[in-house]
Amino acid sequence: VAEGDLRPAKTLDEILNINIEEEEKAIALYKSIWAEIPETEV
């Protein structure tokens, strides 16, 4: 498990902020992976 991504929160605002940041991080990671995949690997 990526333990650094296990970020606690107490309020709705904290929950939303943390998860928005983590989604942005995930999107960036997946886009970098996606860019390395030849389209022939459908």
PDB file of all heavy atoms in Angstrom:
ATOM      1  N   VAL A   1       0.859  -1.184   0.000  1.00  0.00           N
ATOM      2  CA  VAL A   1       0.000   0.000   0.000  1.00  0.00           C
ATOM      3  C   VAL A   1       0.896   1.236   0.000  1.00  0.00           C
ATOM      4  O   VAL A   1       1.893   1.278   0.723  1.00  0.00           O
ATOM      5  CB  VAL A   1      -0.895   0.007   1.261  1.00  0.00           C
ATOM      6  CG1 VAL A   1      -1.709   1.285   1.351  1.00  0.00           C
ATOM      7  CG2 VAL A   1      -1.796  -1.215   1.289  1.00  0.00           C
ATOM      8  N   ALA A   2       0.535   2.234  -0.786  1.00  0.00           N
ATOM      9  CA  ALA A   2       1.257   3.512  -0.766  1.00  0.00           C
ATOM     10  C   ALA A   2       0.843   4.239   0.507  1.00  0.00           C
ATOM     11  O   ALA A   2      -0.141   4.987   0.536  1.00  0.00           O
ATOM     12  CB  ALA A   2       0.912   4.327  -2.013  1.00  0.00           C
ATOM     13  N   GLU A   3       1.592   3.989   1.574  1.00  0.00           N
ATOM     14  CA  GLU A   3       1.201   4.476   2.895  1.00  0.00           C
ATOM     15  C   GLU A   3       1.109   6.003   2.971  1.00  0.00           C
ATOM     16  O   GLU A   3       0.319   6.538   3.743  1.00  0.00           O
ATOM     17  CB  GLU A   3       2.138   3.930   3.960  1.00  0.00           C
ATOM     18  CG  GLU A   3       1.956   2.433   4.143  1.00  0.00           C
ATOM     19  CD  GLU A   3       2.784   1.871   5.283  1.00  0.00           C
ATOM     20  OE1 GLU A   3       3.026   2.601   6.258  1.00  0.00           O
ATOM     21  OE2 GLU A   3       3.169   0.693   5.170  1.00  0.00           O
ATOM     22  N   GLY A   4       1.885   6.692   2.168  1.00  0.00           N
ATOM     23  CA  GLY A   4       1.816   8.158   2.143  1.00  0.00           C
ATOM     24  C   GLY A   4       0.478   8.675   1.646  1.00  0.00           C
ATOM     25  O   GLY A   4       0.124   9.836   1.882  1.00  0.00           O
ATOM     26  N   ASP A   5      -0.269   7.817   0.961  1.00  0.00           N
ATOM     27  CA  ASP A   5      -1.590   8.202   0.447  1.00  0.00           C
ATOM     28  C   ASP A   5      -2.699   7.965   1.467  1.00  0.00           C
ATOM     29  O   ASP A   5      -3.855   8.298   1.214  1.00  0.00           O
ATOM     30  CB  ASP A   5      -1.910   7.422  -0.833  1.00  0.00           C
ATOM     31  CG  ASP A   5      -1.012   7.811  -1.997  1.00  0.00           C
ATOM     32  OD1 ASP A   5      -0.252   8.788  -1.872  1.00  0.00           O
ATOM     33  OD2 ASP A   5      -1.081   7.132  -3.037  1.00  0.00           O
ATOM     34  N   LEU A   6      -2.368   7.383   2.607  1.00  0.00           N
ATOM     35  CA  LEU A   6      -3.355   7.150   3.672  1.00  0.00           C
ATOM     36  C   LEU A   6      -3.412   8.394   4.544  1.00  0.00           C
ATOM     37  O   LEU A   6      -2.810   8.461   5.610  1.00  0.00           O
ATOM     38  CB  LEU A   6      -2.982   5.915   4.494  1.00  0.00           C
ATOM     39  CG  LEU A   6      -2.928   4.604   3.728  1.00  0.00           C
ATOM     40  CD1 LEU A   6      -2.448   3.480   4.633  1.00  0.00           C
ATOM     41  CD2 LEU A   6      -4.292   4.270   3.132  1.00  0.00           C
ATOM     42  N   ARG A   7      -4.133   9.379   4.059  1.00  0.00           N
ATOM     43  CA  ARG A   7      -4.174  10.687   4.705  1.00  0.00           C
ATOM     44  C   ARG A   7      -5.466  10.854   5.498  1.00  0.00           C
ATOM     45  O   ARG A   7      -6.545  10.853   4.920  1.00  0.00           O
ATOM     46  CB  ARG A   7      -4.032  11.775   3.647  1.00  0.00           C
ATOM     47  CG  ARG A   7      -2.697  11.664   2.899  1.00  0.00           C
ATOM     48  CD  ARG A   7      -2.614  12.565   1.704  1.00  0.00           C
ATOM     49  NE  ARG A   7      -2.825  13.953   2.044  1.00  0.00           N
ATOM     50  CZ  ARG A   7      -3.016  14.905   1.140  1.00  0.00           C
ATOM     51  NH1 ARG A   7      -3.017  14.615  -0.154  1.00  0.00           N
ATOM     52  NH2 ARG A   7      -3.224  16.148   1.523  1.00  0.00           N
ATOM     53  N   PRO A   8      -5.370  11.010   6.807  1.00  0.00           N
ATOM     54  CA  PRO A   8      -6.571  11.161   7.624  1.00  0.00           C
ATOM     55  C   PRO A   8      -7.212  12.535   7.426  1.00  0.00           C
ATOM     56  O   PRO A   8      -6.558  13.486   7.001  1.00  0.00           O
ATOM     57  CB  PRO A   8      -6.058  11.003   9.050  1.00  0.00           C
ATOM     58  CG  PRO A   8      -4.631  11.388   8.990  1.00  0.00           C
ATOM     59  CD  PRO A   8      -4.150  11.024   7.607  1.00  0.00           C
ATOM     60  N   ALA A   9      -8.493  12.598   7.749  1.00  0.00           N
ATOM     61  CA  ALA A   9      -9.230  13.857   7.688  1.00  0.00           C
ATOM     62  C   ALA A   9     -10.298  13.837   8.770  1.00  0.00           C
ATOM     63  O   ALA A   9     -10.731  12.767   9.197  1.00  0.00           O
ATOM     64  CB  ALA A   9      -9.860  14.019   6.307  1.00  0.00           C
ATOM     65  N   LYS A  10     -10.721  15.024   9.175  1.00  0.00           N
ATOM     66  CA  LYS A  10     -11.750  15.128  10.211  1.00  0.00           C
ATOM     67  C   LYS A  10     -13.020  15.797   9.713  1.00  0.00           C
ATOM     68  O   LYS A  10     -14.086  15.545  10.216  1.00  0.00           O
ATOM     69  CB  LYS A  10     -11.206  15.900  11.415  1.00  0.00           C
ATOM     70  CG  LYS A  10     -10.101  15.176  12.141  1.00  0.00           C
ATOM     71  CD  LYS A  10      -9.622  15.980  13.322  1.00  0.00           C
ATOM     72  CE  LYS A  10      -8.476  15.250  13.999  1.00  0.00           C
ATOM     73  NZ  LYS A  10      -7.826  16.052  15.004  1.00  0.00           N
ATOM     74  N   THR A  11     -12.880  16.679   8.734  1.00  0.00           N
ATOM     75  CA  THR A  11     -14.036  17.439   8.257  1.00  0.00           C
ATOM     76  C   THR A  11     -14.310  17.116   6.793  1.00  0.00           C
ATOM     77  O   THR A  11     -13.432  16.603   6.082  1.00  0.00           O
ATOM     78  CB  THR A  11     -13.788  18.951   8.380  1.00  0.00           C
ATOM     79  OG1 THR A  11     -12.735  19.318   7.463  1.00  0.00           O
ATOM     80  CG2 THR A  11     -13.408  19.352   9.797  1.00  0.00           C
ATOM     81  N   LEU A  12     -15.508  17.464   6.367  1.00  0.00           N
ATOM     82  CA  LEU A  12     -15.862  17.257   4.959  1.00  0.00           C
ATOM     83  C   LEU A  12     -14.901  18.016   4.050  1.00  0.00           C
ATOM     84  O   LEU A  12     -14.441  17.483   3.040  1.00  0.00           O
ATOM     85  CB  LEU A  12     -17.303  17.704   4.699  1.00  0.00           C
ATOM     86  CG  LEU A  12     -17.764  17.639   3.243  1.00  0.00           C
ATOM     87  CD1 LEU A  12     -17.646  16.223   2.677  1.00  0.00           C
ATOM     88  CD2 LEU A  12     -19.194  18.153   3.114  1.00  0.00           C
ATOM     89  N   ASP A  13     -14.565  19.244   4.416  1.00  0.00           N
ATOM     90  CA  ASP A  13     -13.651  20.038   3.595  1.00  0.00           C
ATOM     91  C   ASP A  13     -12.286  19.359   3.469  1.00  0.00           C
ATOM     92  O   ASP A  13     -11.709  19.298   2.388  1.00  0.00           O
ATOM     93  CB  ASP A  13     -13.506  21.450   4.180  1.00  0.00           C
ATOM     94  CG  ASP A  13     -12.953  22.434   3.169  1.00  0.00           C
ATOM     95  OD1 ASP A  13     -13.431  22.435   2.011  1.00  0.00           O
ATOM     96  OD2 ASP A  13     -12.029  23.199   3.532  1.00  0.00           O
ATOM     97  N   GLU A  14     -11.762  18.846   4.582  1.00  0.00           N
ATOM     98  CA  GLU A  14     -10.485  18.123   4.549  1.00  0.00           C
ATOM     99  C   GLU A  14     -10.592  16.881   3.677  1.00  0.00           C
ATOM    100  O   GLU A  14      -9.686  16.595   2.887  1.00  0.00           O
ATOM    101  CB  GLU A  14     -10.052  17.709   5.961  1.00  0.00           C
ATOM    102  CG  GLU A  14      -9.561  18.835   6.827  1.00  0.00           C
ATOM    103  CD  GLU A  14      -9.254  18.373   8.251  1.00  0.00           C
ATOM    104  OE1 GLU A  14      -9.599  17.230   8.625  1.00  0.00           O
ATOM    105  OE2 GLU A  14      -8.663  19.174   8.996  1.00  0.00           O
ATOM    106  N   ILE A  15     -11.682  16.148   3.828  1.00  0.00           N
ATOM    107  CA  ILE A  15     -11.893  14.933   3.035  1.00  0.00           C
ATOM    108  C   ILE A  15     -11.886  15.266   1.548  1.00  0.00           C
ATOM    109  O   ILE A  15     -11.210  14.600   0.756  1.00  0.00           O
ATOM    110  CB  ILE A  15     -13.209  14.239   3.443  1.00  0.00           C
ATOM    111  CG1 ILE A  15     -13.049  13.581   4.816  1.00  0.00           C
ATOM    112  CG2 ILE A  15     -13.656  13.225   2.388  1.00  0.00           C
ATOM    113  CD1 ILE A  15     -14.350  13.094   5.433  1.00  0.00           C
ATOM    114  N   LEU A  16     -12.617  16.292   1.173  1.00  0.00           N
ATOM    115  CA  LEU A  16     -12.686  16.668  -0.242  1.00  0.00           C
ATOM    116  C   LEU A  16     -11.336  17.152  -0.749  1.00  0.00           C
ATOM    117  O   LEU A  16     -10.891  16.738  -1.834  1.00  0.00           O
ATOM    118  CB  LEU A  16     -13.776  17.718  -0.453  1.00  0.00           C
ATOM    119  CG  LEU A  16     -15.201  17.242  -0.178  1.00  0.00           C
ATOM    120  CD1 LEU A  16     -16.186  18.405  -0.292  1.00  0.00           C
ATOM    121  CD2 LEU A  16     -15.597  16.093  -1.100  1.00  0.00           C
ATOM    122  N   ASN A  17     -10.660  18.010   0.018  1.00  0.00           N
ATOM    123  CA  ASN A  17      -9.357  18.527  -0.409  1.00  0.00           C
ATOM    124  C   ASN A  17      -8.334  17.414  -0.596  1.00  0.00           C
ATOM    125  O   ASN A  17      -7.621  17.371  -1.612  1.00  0.00           O
ATOM    126  CB  ASN A  17      -8.825  19.564   0.580  1.00  0.00           C
ATOM    127  CG  ASN A  17      -9.557  20.875   0.490  1.00  0.00           C
ATOM    128  OD1 ASN A  17     -10.109  21.228  -0.551  1.00  0.00           O
ATOM    129  ND2 ASN A  17      -9.581  21.609   1.585  1.00  0.00           N
ATOM    130  N   ILE A  18      -8.252  16.518   0.367  1.00  0.00           N
ATOM    131  CA  ILE A  18      -7.298  15.407   0.289  1.00  0.00           C
ATOM    132  C   ILE A  18      -7.584  14.547  -0.936  1.00  0.00           C
ATOM    133  O   ILE A  18      -6.672  14.202  -1.697  1.00  0.00           O
ATOM    134  CB  ILE A  18      -7.335  14.560   1.576  1.00  0.00           C
ATOM    135  CG1 ILE A  18      -6.653  15.309   2.713  1.00  0.00           C
ATOM    136  CG2 ILE A  18      -6.707  13.182   1.367  1.00  0.00           C
ATOM    137  CD1 ILE A  18      -6.873  14.696   4.096  1.00  0.00           C
ATOM    138  N   ASN A  19      -8.839  14.214  -1.137  1.00  0.00           N
ATOM    139  CA  ASN A  19      -9.165  13.305  -2.231  1.00  0.00           C
ATOM    140  C   ASN A  19      -9.047  13.965  -3.597  1.00  0.00           C
ATOM    141  O   ASN A  19      -8.685  13.307  -4.570  1.00  0.00           O
ATOM    142  CB  ASN A  19     -10.528  12.659  -1.991  1.00  0.00           C
ATOM    143  CG  ASN A  19     -10.427  11.613  -0.906  1.00  0.00           C
ATOM    144  OD1 ASN A  19      -9.749  10.603  -1.061  1.00  0.00           O
ATOM    145  ND2 ASN A  19     -11.052  11.863   0.236  1.00  0.00           N
ATOM    146  N   ILE A  20      -9.292  15.261  -3.681  1.00  0.00           N
ATOM    147  CA  ILE A  20      -9.048  15.980  -4.941  1.00  0.00           C
ATOM    148  C   ILE A  20      -7.556  15.935  -5.261  1.00  0.00           C
ATOM    149  O   ILE A  20      -7.162  15.633  -6.397  1.00  0.00           O
ATOM    150  CB  ILE A  20      -9.581  17.427  -4.869  1.00  0.00           C
ATOM    151  CG1 ILE A  20     -11.117  17.421  -4.888  1.00  0.00           C
ATOM    152  CG2 ILE A  20      -9.026  18.267  -6.021  1.00  0.00           C
ATOM    153  CD1 ILE A  20     -11.756  18.755  -4.523  1.00  0.00           C
ATOM    154  N   GLU A  21      -6.723  16.222  -4.271  1.00  0.00           N
ATOM    155  CA  GLU A  21      -5.263  16.173  -4.480  1.00  0.00           C
ATOM    156  C   GLU A  21      -4.813  14.780  -4.902  1.00  0.00           C
ATOM    157  O   GLU A  21      -3.980  14.636  -5.802  1.00  0.00           O
ATOM    158  CB  GLU A  21      -4.531  16.572  -3.200  1.00  0.00           C
ATOM    159  CG  GLU A  21      -4.630  18.031  -2.844  1.00  0.00           C
ATOM    160  CD  GLU A  21      -4.046  18.331  -1.464  1.00  0.00           C
ATOM    161  OE1 GLU A  21      -3.264  17.513  -0.930  1.00  0.00           O
ATOM    162  OE2 GLU A  21      -4.375  19.410  -0.921  1.00  0.00           O
ATOM    163  N   GLU A  22      -5.340  13.763  -4.251  1.00  0.00           N
ATOM    164  CA  GLU A  22      -4.946  12.392  -4.572  1.00  0.00           C
ATOM    165  C   GLU A  22      -5.438  11.975  -5.956  1.00  0.00           C
ATOM    166  O   GLU A  22      -4.752  11.231  -6.665  1.00  0.00           O
ATOM    167  CB  GLU A  22      -5.439  11.425  -3.492  1.00  0.00           C
ATOM    168  CG  GLU A  22      -4.736  11.594  -2.155  1.00  0.00           C
ATOM    169  CD  GLU A  22      -3.251  11.276  -2.190  1.00  0.00           C
ATOM    170  OE1 GLU A  22      -2.816  10.415  -2.982  1.00  0.00           O
ATOM    171  OE2 GLU A  22      -2.497  11.883  -1.401  1.00  0.00           O
ATOM    172  N   GLU A  23      -6.615  12.445  -6.360  1.00  0.00           N
ATOM    173  CA  GLU A  23      -7.095  12.146  -7.717  1.00  0.00           C
ATOM    174  C   GLU A  23      -6.193  12.818  -8.750  1.00  0.00           C
ATOM    175  O   GLU A  23      -5.870  12.222  -9.784  1.00  0.00           O
ATOM    176  CB  GLU A  23      -8.551  12.583  -7.905  1.00  0.00           C
ATOM    177  CG  GLU A  23      -9.560  11.774  -7.129  1.00  0.00           C
ATOM    178  CD  GLU A  23      -9.674  10.309  -7.545  1.00  0.00           C
ATOM    179  OE1 GLU A  23      -9.159   9.916  -8.611  1.00  0.00           O
ATOM    180  OE2 GLU A  23     -10.291   9.547  -6.787  1.00  0.00           O
ATOM    181  N   GLU A  24      -5.770  14.045  -8.482  1.00  0.00           N
ATOM    182  CA  GLU A  24      -4.856  14.741  -9.399  1.00  0.00           C
ATOM    183  C   GLU A  24      -3.552  13.972  -9.531  1.00  0.00           C
ATOM    184  O   GLU A  24      -3.014  13.820 -10.639  1.00  0.00           O
ATOM    185  CB  GLU A  24      -4.596  16.167  -8.910  1.00  0.00           C
ATOM    186  CG  GLU A  24      -5.793  17.075  -9.081  1.00  0.00           C
ATOM    187  CD  GLU A  24      -5.652  18.426  -8.396  1.00  0.00           C
ATOM    188  OE1 GLU A  24      -4.714  18.609  -7.568  1.00  0.00           O
ATOM    189  OE2 GLU A  24      -6.489  19.300  -8.677  1.00  0.00           O
ATOM    190  N   LYS A  25      -3.055  13.470  -8.414  1.00  0.00           N
ATOM    191  CA  LYS A  25      -1.819  12.682  -8.426  1.00  0.00           C
ATOM    192  C   LYS A  25      -2.004  11.400  -9.236  1.00  0.00           C
ATOM    193  O   LYS A  25      -1.142  11.035 -10.037  1.00  0.00           O
ATOM    194  CB  LYS A  25      -1.414  12.365  -6.981  1.00  0.00           C
ATOM    195  CG  LYS A  25      -0.077  11.690  -6.849  1.00  0.00           C
ATOM    196  CD  LYS A  25       0.346  11.666  -5.395  1.00  0.00           C
ATOM    197  CE  LYS A  25       0.086  10.299  -4.832  1.00  0.00           C
ATOM    198  NZ  LYS A  25       0.531  10.141  -3.445  1.00  0.00           N
ATOM    199  N   ALA A  26      -3.137  10.733  -9.037  1.00  0.00           N
ATOM    200  CA  ALA A  26      -3.412   9.497  -9.777  1.00  0.00           C
ATOM    201  C   ALA A  26      -3.525   9.765 -11.268  1.00  0.00           C
ATOM    202  O   ALA A  26      -2.980   9.014 -12.089  1.00  0.00           O
ATOM    203  CB  ALA A  26      -4.690   8.845  -9.247  1.00  0.00           C
ATOM    204  N   ILE A  27      -4.218  10.822 -11.633  1.00  0.00           N
ATOM    205  CA  ILE A  27      -4.377  11.168 -13.050  1.00  0.00           C
ATOM    206  C   ILE A  27      -3.010  11.395 -13.683  1.00  0.00           C
ATOM    207  O   ILE A  27      -2.732  10.890 -14.781  1.00  0.00           O
ATOM    208  CB  ILE A  27      -5.286  12.407 -13.217  1.00  0.00           C
ATOM    209  CG1 ILE A  27      -6.731  12.048 -12.828  1.00  0.00           C
ATOM    210  CG2 ILE A  27      -5.220  12.952 -14.641  1.00  0.00           C
ATOM    211  CD1 ILE A  27      -7.646  13.253 -12.597  1.00  0.00           C
ATOM    212  N   ALA A  28      -2.144  12.139 -13.006  1.00  0.00           N
ATOM    213  CA  ALA A  28      -0.800  12.397 -13.540  1.00  0.00           C
ATOM    214  C   ALA A  28      -0.023  11.096 -13.713  1.00  0.00           C
ATOM    215  O   ALA A  28       0.642  10.887 -14.742  1.00  0.00           O
ATOM    216  CB  ALA A  28      -0.044  13.361 -12.628  1.00  0.00           C
ATOM    217  N   LEU A  29      -0.094  10.202 -12.722  1.00  0.00           N
ATOM    218  CA  LEU A  29       0.613   8.922 -12.823  1.00  0.00           C
ATOM    219  C   LEU A  29       0.087   8.111 -13.997  1.00  0.00           C
ATOM    220  O   LEU A  29       0.868   7.609 -14.811  1.00  0.00           O
ATOM    221  CB  LEU A  29       0.460   8.129 -11.524  1.00  0.00           C
ATOM    222  CG  LEU A  29       1.041   6.710 -11.554  1.00  0.00           C
ATOM    223  CD1 LEU A  29       2.553   6.731 -11.805  1.00  0.00           C
ATOM    224  CD2 LEU A  29       0.706   5.975 -10.269  1.00  0.00           C
ATOM    225  N   TYR A  30      -1.232   7.983 -14.098  1.00  0.00           N
ATOM    226  CA  TYR A  30      -1.805   7.181 -15.178  1.00  0.00           C
ATOM    227  C   TYR A  30      -1.521   7.777 -16.554  1.00  0.00           C
ATOM    228  O   TYR A  30      -1.266   7.046 -17.505  1.00  0.00           O
ATOM    229  CB  TYR A  30      -3.302   6.976 -14.976  1.00  0.00           C
ATOM    230  CG  TYR A  30      -3.600   5.933 -13.939  1.00  0.00           C
ATOM    231  CD1 TYR A  30      -4.281   6.256 -12.775  1.00  0.00           C
ATOM    232  CD2 TYR A  30      -3.197   4.617 -14.112  1.00  0.00           C
ATOM    233  CE1 TYR A  30      -4.549   5.301 -11.813  1.00  0.00           C
ATOM    234  CE2 TYR A  30      -3.449   3.655 -13.156  1.00  0.00           C
ATOM    235  CZ  TYR A  30      -4.132   4.006 -12.003  1.00  0.00           C
ATOM    236  OH  TYR A  30      -4.383   3.051 -11.059  1.00  0.00           O
ATOM    237  N   LYS A  31      -1.532   9.094 -16.658  1.00  0.00           N
ATOM    238  CA  LYS A  31      -1.211   9.715 -17.951  1.00  0.00           C
ATOM    239  C   LYS A  31       0.235   9.433 -18.346  1.00  0.00           C
ATOM    240  O   LYS A  31       0.529   9.205 -19.525  1.00  0.00           O
ATOM    241  CB  LYS A  31      -1.478  11.217 -17.915  1.00  0.00           C
ATOM    242  CG  LYS A  31      -2.947  11.549 -18.035  1.00  0.00           C
ATOM    243  CD  LYS A  31      -3.163  13.053 -18.092  1.00  0.00           C
ATOM    244  CE  LYS A  31      -4.608  13.377 -18.341  1.00  0.00           C
ATOM    245  NZ  LYS A  31      -4.838  14.832 -18.446  1.00  0.00           N
ATOM    246  N   SER A  32       1.140   9.420 -17.362  1.00  0.00           N
ATOM    247  CA  SER A  32       2.543   9.131 -17.678  1.00  0.00           C
ATOM    248  C   SER A  32       2.707   7.672 -18.104  1.00  0.00           C
ATOM    249  O   SER A  32       3.496   7.368 -19.003  1.00  0.00           O
ATOM    250  CB  SER A  32       3.454   9.476 -16.499  1.00  0.00           C
ATOM    251  OG  SER A  32       3.315   8.549 -15.444  1.00  0.00           O
ATOM    252  N   ILE A  33       1.963   6.776 -17.480  1.00  0.00           N
ATOM    253  CA  ILE A  33       1.996   5.360 -17.879  1.00  0.00           C
ATOM    254  C   ILE A  33       1.395   5.197 -19.266  1.00  0.00           C
ATOM    255  O   ILE A  33       1.964   4.531 -20.135  1.00  0.00           O
ATOM    256  CB  ILE A  33       1.237   4.494 -16.845  1.00  0.00           C
ATOM    257  CG1 ILE A  33       1.994   4.451 -15.521  1.00  0.00           C
ATOM    258  CG2 ILE A  33       0.996   3.082 -17.386  1.00  0.00           C
ATOM    259  CD1 ILE A  33       1.204   3.837 -14.362  1.00  0.00           C
ATOM    260  N   TRP A  34       0.258   5.818 -19.476  1.00  0.00           N
ATOM    261  CA  TRP A  34      -0.478   5.718 -20.744  1.00  0.00           C
ATOM    262  C   TRP A  34       0.385   6.186 -21.918  1.00  0.00           C
ATOM    263  O   TRP A  34       0.365   5.583 -22.993  1.00  0.00           O
ATOM    264  CB  TRP A  34      -1.752   6.541 -20.611  1.00  0.00           C
ATOM    265  CG  TRP A  34      -2.757   6.409 -21.691  1.00  0.00           C
ATOM    266  CD1 TRP A  34      -3.363   5.267 -22.136  1.00  0.00           C
ATOM    267  CD2 TRP A  34      -3.326   7.467 -22.451  1.00  0.00           C
ATOM    268  NE1 TRP A  34      -4.276   5.552 -23.116  1.00  0.00           N
ATOM    269  CE2 TRP A  34      -4.268   6.908 -23.323  1.00  0.00           C
ATOM    270  CE3 TRP A  34      -3.131   8.839 -22.465  1.00  0.00           C
ATOM    271  CZ2 TRP A  34      -5.019   7.671 -24.225  1.00  0.00           C
ATOM    272  CZ3 TRP A  34      -3.878   9.601 -23.344  1.00  0.00           C
ATOM    273  CH2 TRP A  34      -4.807   9.021 -24.216  1.00  0.00           C
ATOM    274  N   ALA A  35       1.164   7.237 -21.694  1.00  0.00           N
ATOM    275  CA  ALA A  35       2.016   7.782 -22.753  1.00  0.00           C
ATOM    276  C   ALA A  35       3.103   6.797 -23.187  1.00  0.00           C
ATOM    277  O   ALA A  35       3.625   6.892 -24.302  1.00  0.00           O
ATOM    278  CB  ALA A  35       2.660   9.083 -22.283  1.00  0.00           C
ATOM    279  N   GLU A  36       3.422   5.835 -22.337  1.00  0.00           N
ATOM    280  CA  GLU A  36       4.469   4.853 -22.636  1.00  0.00           C
ATOM    281  C   GLU A  36       3.938   3.588 -23.318  1.00  0.00           C
ATOM    282  O   GLU A  36       4.718   2.722 -23.694  1.00  0.00           O
ATOM    283  CB  GLU A  36       5.181   4.445 -21.353  1.00  0.00           C
ATOM    284  CG  GLU A  36       5.943   5.571 -20.702  1.00  0.00           C
ATOM    285  CD  GLU A  36       6.586   5.135 -19.394  1.00  0.00           C
ATOM    286  OE1 GLU A  36       6.689   3.924 -19.137  1.00  0.00           O
ATOM    287  OE2 GLU A  36       6.986   6.030 -18.627  1.00  0.00           O
ATOM    288  N   ILE A  37       2.628   3.474 -23.464  1.00  0.00           N
ATOM    289  CA  ILE A  37       2.043   2.250 -24.003  1.00  0.00           C
ATOM    290  C   ILE A  37       1.822   2.403 -25.501  1.00  0.00           C
ATOM    291  O   ILE A  37       1.098   3.301 -25.930  1.00  0.00           O
ATOM    292  CB  ILE A  37       0.700   1.928 -23.317  1.00  0.00           C
ATOM    293  CG1 ILE A  37       0.876   1.814 -21.799  1.00  0.00           C
ATOM    294  CG2 ILE A  37       0.090   0.649 -23.901  1.00  0.00           C
ATOM    295  CD1 ILE A  37      -0.429   1.766 -21.029  1.00  0.00           C
ATOM    296  N   PRO A  38       2.416   1.516 -26.290  1.00  0.00           N
ATOM    297  CA  PRO A  38       2.147   1.571 -27.730  1.00  0.00           C
ATOM    298  C   PRO A  38       0.671   1.250 -27.981  1.00  0.00           C
ATOM    299  O   PRO A  38       0.081   0.405 -27.307  1.00  0.00           O
ATOM    300  CB  PRO A  38       3.035   0.468 -28.317  1.00  0.00           C
ATOM    301  CG  PRO A  38       3.941   0.020 -27.217  1.00  0.00           C
ATOM    302  CD  PRO A  38       3.330   0.451 -25.933  1.00  0.00           C
ATOM    303  N   GLU A  39       0.069   1.941 -28.939  1.00  0.00           N
ATOM    304  CA  GLU A  39      -1.343   1.707 -29.245  1.00  0.00           C
ATOM    305  C   GLU A  39      -1.596   0.279 -29.725  1.00  0.00           C
ATOM    306  O   GLU A  39      -2.729  -0.185 -29.687  1.00  0.00           O
ATOM    307  CB  GLU A  39      -1.843   2.721 -30.266  1.00  0.00           C
ATOM    308  CG  GLU A  39      -1.990   4.106 -29.668  1.00  0.00           C
ATOM    309  CD  GLU A  39      -2.586   5.108 -30.630  1.00  0.00           C
ATOM    310  OE1 GLU A  39      -3.484   4.748 -31.412  1.00  0.00           O
ATOM    311  OE2 GLU A  39      -2.149   6.274 -30.590  1.00  0.00           O
ATOM    312  N   THR A  40      -0.546  -0.413 -30.132  1.00  0.00           N
ATOM    313  CA  THR A  40      -0.706  -1.814 -30.549  1.00  0.00           C
ATOM    314  C   THR A  40      -1.003  -2.717 -29.354  1.00  0.00           C
ATOM    315  O   THR A  40      -1.510  -3.821 -29.530  1.00  0.00           O
ATOM    316  CB  THR A  40       0.565  -2.327 -31.275  1.00  0.00           C
ATOM    317  OG1 THR A  40       1.695  -2.114 -30.417  1.00  0.00           O
ATOM    318  CG2 THR A  40       0.770  -1.599 -32.596  1.00  0.00           C
ATOM    319  N   GLU A  41      -0.680  -2.246 -28.146  1.00  0.00           N
ATOM    320  CA  GLU A  41      -1.011  -2.970 -26.909  1.00  0.00           C
ATOM    321  C   GLU A  41      -2.410  -2.534 -26.482  1.00  0.00           C
ATOM    322  O   GLU A  41      -2.608  -1.864 -25.470  1.00  0.00           O
ATOM    323  CB  GLU A  41       0.022  -2.666 -25.816  1.00  0.00           C
ATOM    324  CG  GLU A  41       1.415  -3.140 -26.125  1.00  0.00           C
ATOM    325  CD  GLU A  41       1.563  -4.648 -26.029  1.00  0.00           C
ATOM    326  OE1 GLU A  41       0.758  -5.295 -25.331  1.00  0.00           O
ATOM    327  OE2 GLU A  41       2.483  -5.179 -26.670  1.00  0.00           O
ATOM    328  N   VAL A  42      -3.395  -2.917 -27.281  1.00  0.00           N
ATOM    329  CA  VAL A  42      -4.751  -2.378 -27.182  1.00  0.00           C
ATOM    330  C   VAL A  42      -5.368  -2.573 -25.804  1.00  0.00           C
ATOM    331  O   VAL A  42      -5.914  -1.633 -25.217  1.00  0.00           O
ATOM    332  CB  VAL A  42      -5.656  -2.985 -28.280  1.00  0.00           C
ATOM    333  CG1 VAL A  42      -7.086  -2.509 -28.138  1.00  0.00           C
ATOM    334  CG2 VAL A  42      -5.104  -2.650 -29.661  1.00  0.00           C
TER     335      VAL A  42
END
